[in-house]
Amino acid sequence: QVQLVESGGGLVQAGGSLRVSCAASGRSFSFYTMAWFRQAPGKEREFVAAISASGRSTYYEDSVQGRFTISRDNAKNMGYLQMNSLKPEDTAVYHCAADQVYMNGGARLTRSYKYWGQGTQVTVSS
């Protein structure tokens, strides 16, 4: 059983940076793939990035590649998403997710993950 709590969201101007965090409870976190998804008003939840349990492999949605960086610290049971060069279209509620997921196309699917956080709002003004 893993519980996830996001933090660090807020309001930022276009071009700015923000880091959101995901605090995990439970001993299994270090064995799980962790991912970030986002959901804008009126839209479906979409994949942003994923990182393998060891942290050695990462996978990004094309629209954030080169701007966002996913990372984790298993010793602290923490996950992070560093977001640079933010755009208004990045505005959404950002959720972290975790489960035993292979780092392939399945990692971008919401149904691959059992454990979810409640989300943190990120708003990018133009």
N, C-alpha and C. Protein backbone atom coordinates (compact mmCIF):
# COMPACT_ATOMS: atom_id res chain seq x y z
N GLN A 1 0.85 -1.20 0.00
CA GLN A 1 0.00 0.00 0.00
C GLN A 1 0.88 1.24 0.00
N VAL A 2 0.58 2.17 -0.88
CA VAL A 2 1.34 3.42 -0.98
C VAL A 2 0.36 4.58 -0.99
N GLN A 3 0.66 5.58 -0.21
CA GLN A 3 -0.11 6.83 -0.25
C GLN A 3 0.78 7.94 -0.80
N LEU A 4 0.21 8.76 -1.66
CA LEU A 4 0.96 9.80 -2.35
C LEU A 4 0.33 11.16 -2.07
N VAL A 5 1.18 12.14 -1.78
CA VAL A 5 0.70 13.50 -1.51
C VAL A 5 1.57 14.48 -2.30
N GLU A 6 0.94 15.24 -3.19
CA GLU A 6 1.67 16.21 -3.98
C GLU A 6 1.71 17.57 -3.28
N SER A 7 2.72 18.34 -3.62
CA SER A 7 2.84 19.71 -3.12
C SER A 7 3.69 20.51 -4.09
N GLY A 8 3.69 21.82 -3.89
CA GLY A 8 4.58 22.68 -4.67
C GLY A 8 3.94 23.39 -5.84
N GLY A 9 2.67 23.15 -6.07
CA GLY A 9 2.01 23.85 -7.16
C GLY A 9 1.85 25.33 -6.85
N GLY A 10 1.41 26.08 -7.85
CA GLY A 10 1.21 27.51 -7.64
C GLY A 10 1.01 28.24 -8.94
N LEU A 11 1.11 29.56 -8.85
CA LEU A 11 0.93 30.44 -10.01
C LEU A 11 2.30 30.94 -10.45
N VAL A 12 2.56 30.84 -11.75
CA VAL A 12 3.85 31.27 -12.29
C VAL A 12 3.61 31.89 -13.66
N GLN A 13 4.46 32.83 -14.02
CA GLN A 13 4.34 33.46 -15.34
C GLN A 13 4.93 32.56 -16.41
N ALA A 14 4.44 32.74 -17.61
CA ALA A 14 4.98 31.99 -18.74
C ALA A 14 6.48 32.21 -18.85
N GLY A 15 7.20 31.11 -19.10
CA GLY A 15 8.65 31.17 -19.15
C GLY A 15 9.31 30.87 -17.83
N GLY A 16 8.53 30.85 -16.78
CA GLY A 16 9.07 30.60 -15.45
C GLY A 16 9.23 29.12 -15.15
N SER A 17 9.63 28.84 -13.90
CA SER A 17 9.90 27.48 -13.46
C SER A 17 9.15 27.17 -12.17
N LEU A 18 8.91 25.89 -11.96
CA LEU A 18 8.24 25.42 -10.76
C LEU A 18 8.64 23.97 -10.55
N ARG A 19 8.77 23.57 -9.29
CA ARG A 19 9.01 22.16 -8.99
C ARG A 19 7.88 21.64 -8.11
N VAL A 20 7.26 20.58 -8.55
CA VAL A 20 6.25 19.92 -7.74
C VAL A 20 6.85 18.64 -7.16
N SER A 21 6.38 18.30 -5.98
CA SER A 21 6.91 17.16 -5.25
C SER A 21 5.81 16.15 -4.96
N CYS A 22 6.23 14.92 -4.75
CA CYS A 22 5.31 13.84 -4.41
C CYS A 22 5.91 13.07 -3.24
N ALA A 23 5.25 13.15 -2.09
CA ALA A 23 5.71 12.44 -0.91
C ALA A 23 4.96 11.11 -0.81
N ALA A 24 5.72 10.04 -0.69
CA ALA A 24 5.12 8.71 -0.64
C ALA A 24 5.29 8.09 0.74
N SER A 25 4.27 7.41 1.19
CA SER A 25 4.36 6.64 2.42
C SER A 25 4.25 5.16 2.06
N GLY A 26 4.87 4.31 2.87
CA GLY A 26 4.84 2.89 2.56
C GLY A 26 6.20 2.42 2.08
N ARG A 27 6.53 1.18 2.36
CA ARG A 27 7.85 0.65 2.08
C ARG A 27 8.04 0.28 0.63
N SER A 28 6.95 0.22 -0.15
CA SER A 28 7.05 -0.30 -1.50
C SER A 28 7.43 0.73 -2.54
N PHE A 29 7.46 2.01 -2.16
CA PHE A 29 7.65 3.07 -3.15
C PHE A 29 8.90 2.84 -3.98
N SER A 30 9.97 2.42 -3.37
CA SER A 30 11.24 2.26 -4.09
C SER A 30 11.20 1.14 -5.11
N PHE A 31 10.18 0.31 -5.07
CA PHE A 31 10.03 -0.78 -6.03
C PHE A 31 9.10 -0.42 -7.18
N TYR A 32 8.50 0.76 -7.13
CA TYR A 32 7.47 1.14 -8.10
C TYR A 32 7.96 2.16 -9.11
N THR A 33 7.50 2.02 -10.34
CA THR A 33 7.58 3.11 -11.29
C THR A 33 6.73 4.27 -10.77
N MET A 34 7.23 5.48 -10.94
CA MET A 34 6.47 6.66 -10.55
C MET A 34 6.24 7.52 -11.78
N ALA A 35 5.07 8.12 -11.85
CA ALA A 35 4.74 8.95 -13.00
C ALA A 35 4.02 10.22 -12.57
N TRP A 36 4.05 11.19 -13.45
CA TRP A 36 3.26 12.40 -13.31
C TRP A 36 2.27 12.47 -14.46
N PHE A 37 1.04 12.79 -14.09
CA PHE A 37 -0.02 13.05 -15.05
C PHE A 37 -0.58 14.43 -14.76
N ARG A 38 -1.31 14.98 -15.71
CA ARG A 38 -1.96 16.26 -15.47
C ARG A 38 -3.35 16.26 -16.10
N GLN A 39 -4.20 17.10 -15.51
CA GLN A 39 -5.56 17.20 -16.01
C GLN A 39 -6.00 18.65 -16.01
N ALA A 40 -6.29 19.16 -17.19
CA ALA A 40 -6.79 20.52 -17.34
C ALA A 40 -8.32 20.48 -17.31
N PRO A 41 -8.96 21.60 -16.98
CA PRO A 41 -10.42 21.63 -16.92
C PRO A 41 -11.05 21.18 -18.25
N GLY A 42 -11.99 20.26 -18.16
CA GLY A 42 -12.69 19.79 -19.34
C GLY A 42 -11.92 18.82 -20.21
N LYS A 43 -10.74 18.43 -19.75
CA LYS A 43 -9.92 17.51 -20.55
C LYS A 43 -9.64 16.23 -19.77
N GLU A 44 -9.25 15.20 -20.49
CA GLU A 44 -8.88 13.96 -19.85
C GLU A 44 -7.50 14.08 -19.21
N ARG A 45 -7.28 13.23 -18.21
CA ARG A 45 -5.97 13.18 -17.57
C ARG A 45 -4.96 12.66 -18.59
N GLU A 46 -3.81 13.35 -18.68
CA GLU A 46 -2.82 12.96 -19.67
C GLU A 46 -1.45 12.73 -19.03
N PHE A 47 -0.71 11.86 -19.67
CA PHE A 47 0.62 11.49 -19.22
C PHE A 47 1.60 12.65 -19.40
N VAL A 48 2.50 12.81 -18.43
CA VAL A 48 3.54 13.83 -18.52
C VAL A 48 4.92 13.17 -18.55
N ALA A 49 5.22 12.35 -17.55
CA ALA A 49 6.55 11.74 -17.46
C ALA A 49 6.49 10.56 -16.52
N ALA A 50 7.44 9.64 -16.68
CA ALA A 50 7.55 8.48 -15.79
C ALA A 50 9.03 8.21 -15.52
N ILE A 51 9.28 7.59 -14.37
CA ILE A 51 10.64 7.24 -13.99
C ILE A 51 10.61 5.84 -13.38
N SER A 52 11.61 5.04 -13.74
CA SER A 52 11.66 3.67 -13.25
C SER A 52 11.94 3.64 -11.75
N ALA A 53 11.75 2.48 -11.15
CA ALA A 53 11.95 2.33 -9.72
C ALA A 53 13.37 2.72 -9.30
N SER A 54 14.35 2.35 -10.11
CA SER A 54 15.74 2.67 -9.79
C SER A 54 16.10 4.11 -10.08
N GLY A 55 15.30 4.75 -10.93
CA GLY A 55 15.60 6.12 -11.35
C GLY A 55 16.46 6.19 -12.59
N ARG A 56 16.87 5.05 -13.12
CA ARG A 56 17.81 5.05 -14.25
C ARG A 56 17.12 5.30 -15.58
N SER A 57 15.83 5.04 -15.66
CA SER A 57 15.10 5.24 -16.92
C SER A 57 14.01 6.27 -16.74
N THR A 58 13.88 7.13 -17.74
CA THR A 58 12.82 8.14 -17.73
C THR A 58 12.13 8.16 -19.09
N TYR A 59 10.94 8.72 -19.10
CA TYR A 59 10.09 8.68 -20.30
C TYR A 59 9.21 9.93 -20.24
N TYR A 60 9.17 10.69 -21.33
CA TYR A 60 8.46 11.96 -21.32
C TYR A 60 7.47 12.05 -22.46
N GLU A 61 6.39 12.81 -22.19
CA GLU A 61 5.49 13.19 -23.25
C GLU A 61 6.23 14.17 -24.15
N ASP A 62 5.96 14.10 -25.44
CA ASP A 62 6.70 14.93 -26.40
C ASP A 62 6.61 16.42 -26.07
N SER A 63 5.45 16.86 -25.60
CA SER A 63 5.24 18.29 -25.40
C SER A 63 6.05 18.86 -24.23
N VAL A 64 6.57 18.00 -23.35
CA VAL A 64 7.35 18.49 -22.21
C VAL A 64 8.81 18.08 -22.30
N GLN A 65 9.15 17.24 -23.27
CA GLN A 65 10.54 16.80 -23.44
C GLN A 65 11.46 18.01 -23.58
N GLY A 66 12.52 18.02 -22.80
CA GLY A 66 13.47 19.13 -22.85
C GLY A 66 13.13 20.28 -21.93
N ARG A 67 11.90 20.31 -21.42
CA ARG A 67 11.49 21.39 -20.50
C ARG A 67 11.29 20.86 -19.08
N PHE A 68 10.78 19.64 -18.96
CA PHE A 68 10.49 19.05 -17.67
C PHE A 68 11.50 17.95 -17.36
N THR A 69 11.79 17.78 -16.06
CA THR A 69 12.68 16.71 -15.62
C THR A 69 12.04 15.99 -14.45
N ILE A 70 11.88 14.69 -14.59
CA ILE A 70 11.35 13.86 -13.50
C ILE A 70 12.51 13.24 -12.75
N SER A 71 12.39 13.16 -11.43
CA SER A 71 13.44 12.55 -10.61
C SER A 71 12.80 11.96 -9.37
N ARG A 72 13.60 11.21 -8.62
CA ARG A 72 13.12 10.62 -7.39
C ARG A 72 14.28 10.43 -6.42
N ASP A 73 13.94 10.38 -5.14
CA ASP A 73 14.90 10.09 -4.09
C ASP A 73 14.28 8.98 -3.23
N ASN A 74 14.65 7.76 -3.51
CA ASN A 74 14.03 6.63 -2.82
C ASN A 74 14.36 6.62 -1.33
N ALA A 75 15.50 7.15 -0.96
CA ALA A 75 15.86 7.19 0.46
C ALA A 75 14.91 8.08 1.25
N LYS A 76 14.35 9.08 0.56
CA LYS A 76 13.41 10.01 1.21
C LYS A 76 11.96 9.71 0.84
N ASN A 77 11.75 8.70 0.01
CA ASN A 77 10.39 8.40 -0.47
C ASN A 77 9.76 9.62 -1.14
N MET A 78 10.54 10.26 -2.00
CA MET A 78 10.07 11.48 -2.67
C MET A 78 10.24 11.36 -4.18
N GLY A 79 9.31 11.99 -4.88
CA GLY A 79 9.41 12.14 -6.32
C GLY A 79 9.25 13.61 -6.67
N TYR A 80 9.81 13.99 -7.83
CA TYR A 80 9.81 15.40 -8.20
C TYR A 80 9.55 15.57 -9.69
N LEU A 81 9.02 16.74 -10.01
CA LEU A 81 8.90 17.13 -11.41
C LEU A 81 9.34 18.58 -11.49
N GLN A 82 10.51 18.80 -12.08
CA GLN A 82 11.02 20.14 -12.31
C GLN A 82 10.50 20.62 -13.65
N MET A 83 9.81 21.76 -13.63
CA MET A 83 9.19 22.28 -14.84
C MET A 83 9.80 23.63 -15.19
N ASN A 84 10.43 23.71 -16.33
CA ASN A 84 11.05 24.94 -16.81
C ASN A 84 10.36 25.41 -18.09
N SER A 85 10.59 26.66 -18.43
CA SER A 85 10.02 27.24 -19.66
C SER A 85 8.52 26.95 -19.74
N LEU A 86 7.84 27.21 -18.64
CA LEU A 86 6.42 26.88 -18.57
C LEU A 86 5.60 27.71 -19.55
N LYS A 87 4.54 27.08 -20.05
CA LYS A 87 3.64 27.70 -21.01
C LYS A 87 2.23 27.70 -20.44
N PRO A 88 1.38 28.61 -20.89
CA PRO A 88 -0.01 28.61 -20.39
C PRO A 88 -0.70 27.26 -20.59
N GLU A 89 -0.37 26.55 -21.64
CA GLU A 89 -1.00 25.25 -21.88
C GLU A 89 -0.53 24.16 -20.91
N ASP A 90 0.44 24.48 -20.07
CA ASP A 90 0.84 23.55 -19.01
C ASP A 90 -0.06 23.66 -17.78
N THR A 91 -0.96 24.62 -17.78
CA THR A 91 -1.88 24.80 -16.66
C THR A 91 -2.76 23.57 -16.48
N ALA A 92 -2.74 23.01 -15.27
CA ALA A 92 -3.50 21.79 -14.99
C ALA A 92 -3.31 21.43 -13.52
N VAL A 93 -4.07 20.45 -13.08
CA VAL A 93 -3.80 19.79 -11.81
C VAL A 93 -2.82 18.65 -12.10
N TYR A 94 -1.72 18.63 -11.37
CA TYR A 94 -0.68 17.63 -11.59
C TYR A 94 -0.79 16.55 -10.51
N HIS A 95 -0.87 15.30 -10.96
CA HIS A 95 -1.01 14.15 -10.08
C HIS A 95 0.20 13.25 -10.20
N CYS A 96 0.69 12.72 -9.08
CA CYS A 96 1.68 11.66 -9.17
C CYS A 96 0.98 10.32 -9.00
N ALA A 97 1.59 9.30 -9.57
CA ALA A 97 1.04 7.95 -9.55
C ALA A 97 2.19 6.96 -9.40
N ALA A 98 1.89 5.80 -8.85
CA ALA A 98 2.92 4.79 -8.66
C ALA A 98 2.32 3.40 -8.75
N ASP A 99 3.12 2.48 -9.27
CA ASP A 99 2.73 1.07 -9.31
C ASP A 99 3.86 0.31 -9.99
N GLN A 100 3.72 -1.00 -10.02
CA GLN A 100 4.70 -1.83 -10.72
C GLN A 100 4.35 -1.82 -12.21
N VAL A 101 5.01 -0.96 -12.94
CA VAL A 101 4.70 -0.73 -14.35
C VAL A 101 5.99 -0.82 -15.16
N TYR A 102 5.93 -1.53 -16.27
CA TYR A 102 7.10 -1.59 -17.14
C TYR A 102 7.28 -0.24 -17.83
N MET A 103 8.54 0.13 -18.05
CA MET A 103 8.85 1.41 -18.69
C MET A 103 8.74 1.25 -20.21
N ASN A 104 7.49 1.06 -20.65
CA ASN A 104 7.21 1.02 -22.07
C ASN A 104 5.93 1.82 -22.29
N GLY A 105 5.23 1.56 -23.35
CA GLY A 105 4.03 2.34 -23.62
C GLY A 105 2.99 2.27 -22.51
N GLY A 106 3.01 1.19 -21.75
CA GLY A 106 2.06 1.06 -20.65
C GLY A 106 2.26 2.09 -19.57
N ALA A 107 3.45 2.65 -19.48
CA ALA A 107 3.74 3.63 -18.43
C ALA A 107 3.00 4.94 -18.65
N ARG A 108 2.47 5.18 -19.84
CA ARG A 108 1.76 6.42 -20.12
C ARG A 108 0.24 6.28 -19.94
N LEU A 109 -0.20 5.12 -19.51
CA LEU A 109 -1.64 4.87 -19.38
C LEU A 109 -2.10 5.04 -17.93
N THR A 110 -3.18 5.76 -17.71
CA THR A 110 -3.67 5.95 -16.35
C THR A 110 -4.07 4.62 -15.72
N ARG A 111 -4.58 3.70 -16.51
CA ARG A 111 -5.05 2.43 -15.96
C ARG A 111 -3.91 1.53 -15.48
N SER A 112 -2.67 1.89 -15.79
CA SER A 112 -1.53 1.09 -15.35
C SER A 112 -1.20 1.32 -13.88
N TYR A 113 -1.75 2.37 -13.28
CA TYR A 113 -1.35 2.78 -11.93
C TYR A 113 -2.49 2.60 -10.95
N LYS A 114 -2.17 1.99 -9.83
CA LYS A 114 -3.15 1.79 -8.76
C LYS A 114 -3.15 2.94 -7.77
N TYR A 115 -1.99 3.52 -7.54
CA TYR A 115 -1.86 4.52 -6.47
C TYR A 115 -1.74 5.92 -7.06
N TRP A 116 -2.56 6.84 -6.51
CA TRP A 116 -2.63 8.20 -7.02
C TRP A 116 -2.66 9.20 -5.88
N GLY A 117 -2.08 10.37 -6.11
CA GLY A 117 -2.22 11.47 -5.19
C GLY A 117 -3.43 12.32 -5.57
N GLN A 118 -3.74 13.28 -4.71
CA GLN A 118 -4.93 14.11 -4.91
C GLN A 118 -4.69 15.25 -5.90
N GLY A 119 -3.43 15.54 -6.16
CA GLY A 119 -3.09 16.55 -7.15
C GLY A 119 -2.72 17.89 -6.56
N THR A 120 -1.97 18.66 -7.34
CA THR A 120 -1.60 20.02 -6.97
C THR A 120 -1.77 20.91 -8.20
N GLN A 121 -2.37 22.08 -7.99
CA GLN A 121 -2.70 22.97 -9.11
C GLN A 121 -1.47 23.75 -9.56
N VAL A 122 -1.24 23.74 -10.86
CA VAL A 122 -0.21 24.57 -11.48
C VAL A 122 -0.90 25.48 -12.49
N THR A 123 -0.71 26.77 -12.31
CA THR A 123 -1.32 27.75 -13.20
C THR A 123 -0.23 28.62 -13.81
N VAL A 124 -0.20 28.68 -15.13
CA VAL A 124 0.80 29.47 -15.84
C VAL A 124 0.09 30.62 -16.54
N SER A 125 0.44 31.83 -16.15
CA SER A 125 -0.20 33.00 -16.74
C SER A 125 0.59 33.49 -17.94
N SER A 126 -0.13 34.06 -18.89
CA SER A 126 0.52 34.53 -20.12
C SER A 126 0.96 35.98 -19.99
